[in-house]
Amino acid sequence: MAGYYSAYEDTERGVVYHACVIPDATACCAQGIEFVWSGEHKWPDDYPEQGTDIVVTGRLESYDEDGYMYLHLVDSEVLLKSETNT
């Protein structure tokens, strides 16, 4: 998927959620899909700046958190859009 990088830090839980945000064709609405980058990556040092165009590939998987089901991409690879042919 191609979009821009966004992160949300939940300080109460001590968790950082990473997402690829994909605007629609008219850029009025957007949908973010969380991803888990495979390998050893330290946030924020190894992650792109907020708003950077990225391309993410991975395997879609569901998980449960506090009784709610969420989807995210796991085993993900993240490239800057400038590093791809898209």
N, C-alpha and C. Protein backbone atom coordinates (compact mmCIF):
# COMPACT_ATOMS: atom_id res chain seq x y z
N MET A 1 0.85 -1.17 0.00
CA MET A 1 0.00 0.00 0.00
C MET A 1 0.89 1.23 0.00
N ALA A 2 0.43 2.27 -0.63
CA ALA A 2 1.17 3.52 -0.70
C ALA A 2 0.37 4.61 -0.01
N GLY A 3 1.05 5.41 0.79
CA GLY A 3 0.40 6.49 1.52
C GLY A 3 1.47 7.30 2.23
N TYR A 4 1.12 7.88 3.38
CA TYR A 4 2.11 8.61 4.14
C TYR A 4 2.20 8.06 5.56
N TYR A 5 3.37 8.22 6.16
CA TYR A 5 3.65 7.66 7.48
C TYR A 5 3.02 8.51 8.58
N SER A 6 2.44 7.82 9.54
CA SER A 6 1.90 8.47 10.72
C SER A 6 2.14 7.57 11.92
N ALA A 7 2.42 8.17 13.07
CA ALA A 7 2.62 7.42 14.30
C ALA A 7 1.77 8.03 15.41
N TYR A 8 1.31 7.17 16.30
CA TYR A 8 0.57 7.61 17.47
C TYR A 8 1.19 6.94 18.69
N GLU A 9 1.60 7.75 19.64
CA GLU A 9 2.21 7.21 20.86
C GLU A 9 1.18 7.23 21.98
N ASP A 10 0.83 6.03 22.46
CA ASP A 10 -0.07 5.89 23.59
C ASP A 10 0.79 5.85 24.85
N THR A 11 0.93 6.98 25.50
CA THR A 11 1.83 7.08 26.65
C THR A 11 1.33 6.30 27.86
N GLU A 12 0.01 6.12 27.98
CA GLU A 12 -0.53 5.33 29.09
C GLU A 12 -0.12 3.87 28.98
N ARG A 13 -0.11 3.34 27.76
CA ARG A 13 0.24 1.94 27.54
C ARG A 13 1.73 1.74 27.26
N GLY A 14 2.40 2.83 26.87
CA GLY A 14 3.80 2.72 26.48
C GLY A 14 3.97 2.04 25.14
N VAL A 15 3.01 2.29 24.23
CA VAL A 15 3.01 1.67 22.91
C VAL A 15 2.98 2.75 21.84
N VAL A 16 3.70 2.51 20.74
CA VAL A 16 3.63 3.40 19.59
C VAL A 16 3.00 2.61 18.45
N TYR A 17 1.96 3.16 17.87
CA TYR A 17 1.29 2.55 16.72
C TYR A 17 1.77 3.26 15.47
N HIS A 18 2.15 2.48 14.45
CA HIS A 18 2.65 3.02 13.19
C HIS A 18 1.63 2.70 12.11
N ALA A 19 1.39 3.67 11.22
CA ALA A 19 0.38 3.46 10.19
C ALA A 19 0.80 4.08 8.87
N CYS A 20 0.25 3.49 7.81
CA CYS A 20 0.32 4.06 6.49
C CYS A 20 -1.07 4.64 6.23
N VAL A 21 -1.13 5.95 6.06
CA VAL A 21 -2.41 6.64 5.85
C VAL A 21 -2.60 6.85 4.35
N ILE A 22 -3.76 6.39 3.87
CA ILE A 22 -4.03 6.41 2.44
C ILE A 22 -5.20 7.35 2.17
N PRO A 23 -4.94 8.50 1.53
CA PRO A 23 -6.03 9.42 1.18
C PRO A 23 -6.86 8.85 0.03
N ASP A 24 -8.13 9.27 -0.02
CA ASP A 24 -8.94 8.85 -1.16
C ASP A 24 -8.64 9.73 -2.37
N ALA A 25 -9.32 9.46 -3.47
CA ALA A 25 -9.01 10.13 -4.74
C ALA A 25 -9.16 11.64 -4.68
N THR A 26 -10.09 12.13 -3.86
CA THR A 26 -10.29 13.58 -3.77
C THR A 26 -9.53 14.19 -2.60
N ALA A 27 -8.81 13.37 -1.86
CA ALA A 27 -7.99 13.79 -0.71
C ALA A 27 -8.82 14.43 0.40
N CYS A 28 -10.11 14.11 0.45
CA CYS A 28 -10.94 14.65 1.53
C CYS A 28 -10.99 13.71 2.73
N CYS A 29 -10.78 12.44 2.47
CA CYS A 29 -10.86 11.44 3.53
C CYS A 29 -9.63 10.53 3.45
N ALA A 30 -9.33 9.89 4.54
CA ALA A 30 -8.17 9.01 4.55
C ALA A 30 -8.44 7.82 5.47
N GLN A 31 -7.76 6.73 5.19
CA GLN A 31 -7.86 5.53 6.02
C GLN A 31 -6.45 5.10 6.38
N GLY A 32 -6.19 4.92 7.65
CA GLY A 32 -4.87 4.47 8.09
C GLY A 32 -4.88 2.98 8.38
N ILE A 33 -3.83 2.31 7.97
CA ILE A 33 -3.68 0.89 8.27
C ILE A 33 -2.39 0.72 9.07
N GLU A 34 -2.54 0.18 10.25
CA GLU A 34 -1.40 -0.03 11.15
C GLU A 34 -0.47 -1.09 10.57
N PHE A 35 0.83 -0.93 10.82
CA PHE A 35 1.79 -1.95 10.40
C PHE A 35 2.83 -2.17 11.48
N VAL A 36 3.40 -3.38 11.45
CA VAL A 36 4.50 -3.74 12.35
C VAL A 36 5.69 -4.04 11.45
N TRP A 37 6.69 -3.19 11.50
CA TRP A 37 7.87 -3.29 10.66
C TRP A 37 8.73 -4.45 11.13
N SER A 38 9.04 -5.38 10.23
CA SER A 38 9.87 -6.53 10.61
C SER A 38 11.31 -6.09 10.82
N GLY A 39 12.02 -6.81 11.66
CA GLY A 39 13.41 -6.48 11.96
C GLY A 39 13.53 -5.61 13.20
N GLU A 40 14.71 -5.09 13.40
CA GLU A 40 14.99 -4.25 14.57
C GLU A 40 14.95 -2.78 14.16
N HIS A 41 13.91 -2.08 14.58
CA HIS A 41 13.77 -0.66 14.27
C HIS A 41 13.37 0.08 15.54
N LYS A 42 14.11 1.09 15.88
CA LYS A 42 13.85 1.88 17.08
C LYS A 42 13.09 3.15 16.69
N TRP A 43 12.01 3.41 17.42
CA TRP A 43 11.23 4.61 17.18
C TRP A 43 11.70 5.70 18.11
N PRO A 44 11.91 6.91 17.67
CA PRO A 44 11.62 7.45 16.34
C PRO A 44 12.81 7.41 15.38
N ASP A 45 13.98 7.02 15.88
CA ASP A 45 15.23 7.13 15.10
C ASP A 45 15.19 6.47 13.73
N ASP A 46 14.65 5.26 13.65
CA ASP A 46 14.71 4.49 12.41
C ASP A 46 13.48 4.68 11.51
N TYR A 47 12.50 5.41 11.99
CA TYR A 47 11.26 5.58 11.25
C TYR A 47 11.28 6.87 10.44
N PRO A 48 10.49 6.92 9.36
CA PRO A 48 10.42 8.16 8.57
C PRO A 48 9.78 9.28 9.41
N GLU A 49 9.95 10.50 8.96
CA GLU A 49 9.27 11.62 9.60
C GLU A 49 7.78 11.53 9.31
N GLN A 50 6.97 12.06 10.22
CA GLN A 50 5.52 12.09 10.01
C GLN A 50 5.23 12.75 8.67
N GLY A 51 4.32 12.17 7.90
CA GLY A 51 3.91 12.74 6.62
C GLY A 51 4.75 12.31 5.43
N THR A 52 5.83 11.54 5.66
CA THR A 52 6.68 11.07 4.56
C THR A 52 5.92 10.04 3.73
N ASP A 53 6.00 10.15 2.41
CA ASP A 53 5.38 9.17 1.52
C ASP A 53 6.11 7.84 1.63
N ILE A 54 5.35 6.77 1.90
CA ILE A 54 5.92 5.44 2.08
C ILE A 54 5.13 4.40 1.28
N VAL A 55 5.75 3.26 1.09
CA VAL A 55 5.10 2.08 0.51
C VAL A 55 5.35 0.93 1.48
N VAL A 56 4.28 0.25 1.89
CA VAL A 56 4.37 -0.81 2.88
C VAL A 56 3.81 -2.09 2.30
N THR A 57 4.53 -3.18 2.48
CA THR A 57 4.01 -4.51 2.12
C THR A 57 4.06 -5.37 3.37
N GLY A 58 3.15 -6.31 3.46
CA GLY A 58 3.11 -7.19 4.63
C GLY A 58 1.95 -8.15 4.53
N ARG A 59 1.71 -8.83 5.63
CA ARG A 59 0.65 -9.83 5.72
C ARG A 59 -0.42 -9.31 6.68
N LEU A 60 -1.68 -9.23 6.21
CA LEU A 60 -2.78 -8.72 7.02
C LEU A 60 -3.15 -9.74 8.08
N GLU A 61 -3.27 -9.26 9.31
CA GLU A 61 -3.57 -10.13 10.44
C GLU A 61 -4.44 -9.36 11.43
N SER A 62 -5.30 -10.07 12.14
CA SER A 62 -6.11 -9.42 13.16
C SER A 62 -5.51 -9.69 14.54
N TYR A 63 -5.81 -8.78 15.48
CA TYR A 63 -5.40 -8.98 16.86
C TYR A 63 -6.45 -8.38 17.78
N ASP A 64 -6.47 -8.83 19.02
CA ASP A 64 -7.42 -8.37 20.01
C ASP A 64 -6.69 -7.50 21.02
N GLU A 65 -7.29 -6.34 21.33
CA GLU A 65 -6.74 -5.46 22.36
C GLU A 65 -7.91 -4.93 23.17
N ASP A 66 -7.95 -5.27 24.44
CA ASP A 66 -9.01 -4.84 25.35
C ASP A 66 -10.40 -5.22 24.85
N GLY A 67 -10.52 -6.39 24.24
CA GLY A 67 -11.81 -6.87 23.78
C GLY A 67 -12.24 -6.36 22.42
N TYR A 68 -11.40 -5.59 21.76
CA TYR A 68 -11.70 -5.08 20.42
C TYR A 68 -10.76 -5.72 19.41
N MET A 69 -11.30 -6.02 18.23
CA MET A 69 -10.48 -6.60 17.18
C MET A 69 -9.96 -5.50 16.26
N TYR A 70 -8.68 -5.58 15.95
CA TYR A 70 -8.03 -4.63 15.05
C TYR A 70 -7.30 -5.40 13.95
N LEU A 71 -7.03 -4.72 12.86
CA LEU A 71 -6.23 -5.29 11.77
C LEU A 71 -4.92 -4.52 11.67
N HIS A 72 -3.86 -5.24 11.30
CA HIS A 72 -2.58 -4.59 11.02
C HIS A 72 -1.79 -5.47 10.07
N LEU A 73 -0.81 -4.87 9.42
CA LEU A 73 0.11 -5.63 8.57
C LEU A 73 1.29 -6.05 9.43
N VAL A 74 1.63 -7.31 9.38
CA VAL A 74 2.79 -7.82 10.10
C VAL A 74 3.84 -8.29 9.10
N ASP A 75 5.04 -8.56 9.60
CA ASP A 75 6.16 -8.94 8.73
C ASP A 75 6.31 -7.91 7.61
N SER A 76 6.15 -6.65 7.95
CA SER A 76 6.10 -5.58 6.95
C SER A 76 7.47 -5.09 6.54
N GLU A 77 7.53 -4.67 5.29
CA GLU A 77 8.68 -3.95 4.76
C GLU A 77 8.20 -2.54 4.46
N VAL A 78 9.03 -1.57 4.80
CA VAL A 78 8.67 -0.17 4.60
C VAL A 78 9.75 0.49 3.75
N LEU A 79 9.32 1.11 2.67
CA LEU A 79 10.23 1.85 1.80
C LEU A 79 9.72 3.27 1.66
N LEU A 80 10.64 4.21 1.52
CA LEU A 80 10.24 5.55 1.15
C LEU A 80 9.74 5.48 -0.28
N LYS A 81 8.67 6.20 -0.59
CA LYS A 81 8.11 6.13 -1.94
C LYS A 81 9.15 6.49 -2.99
N SER A 82 10.10 7.36 -2.66
CA SER A 82 11.13 7.76 -3.60
C SER A 82 12.08 6.59 -3.94
N GLU A 83 12.05 5.52 -3.12
CA GLU A 83 12.90 4.36 -3.37
C GLU A 83 12.23 3.31 -4.23
N THR A 84 10.99 3.57 -4.66
CA THR A 84 10.22 2.60 -5.43
C THR A 84 9.93 3.16 -6.81
N ASN A 85 9.30 2.33 -7.62
CA ASN A 85 8.90 2.74 -8.97
C ASN A 85 7.45 3.18 -9.01
N THR A 86 6.78 3.33 -7.82
CA THR A 86 5.37 3.70 -7.82
C THR A 86 5.18 5.18 -7.75
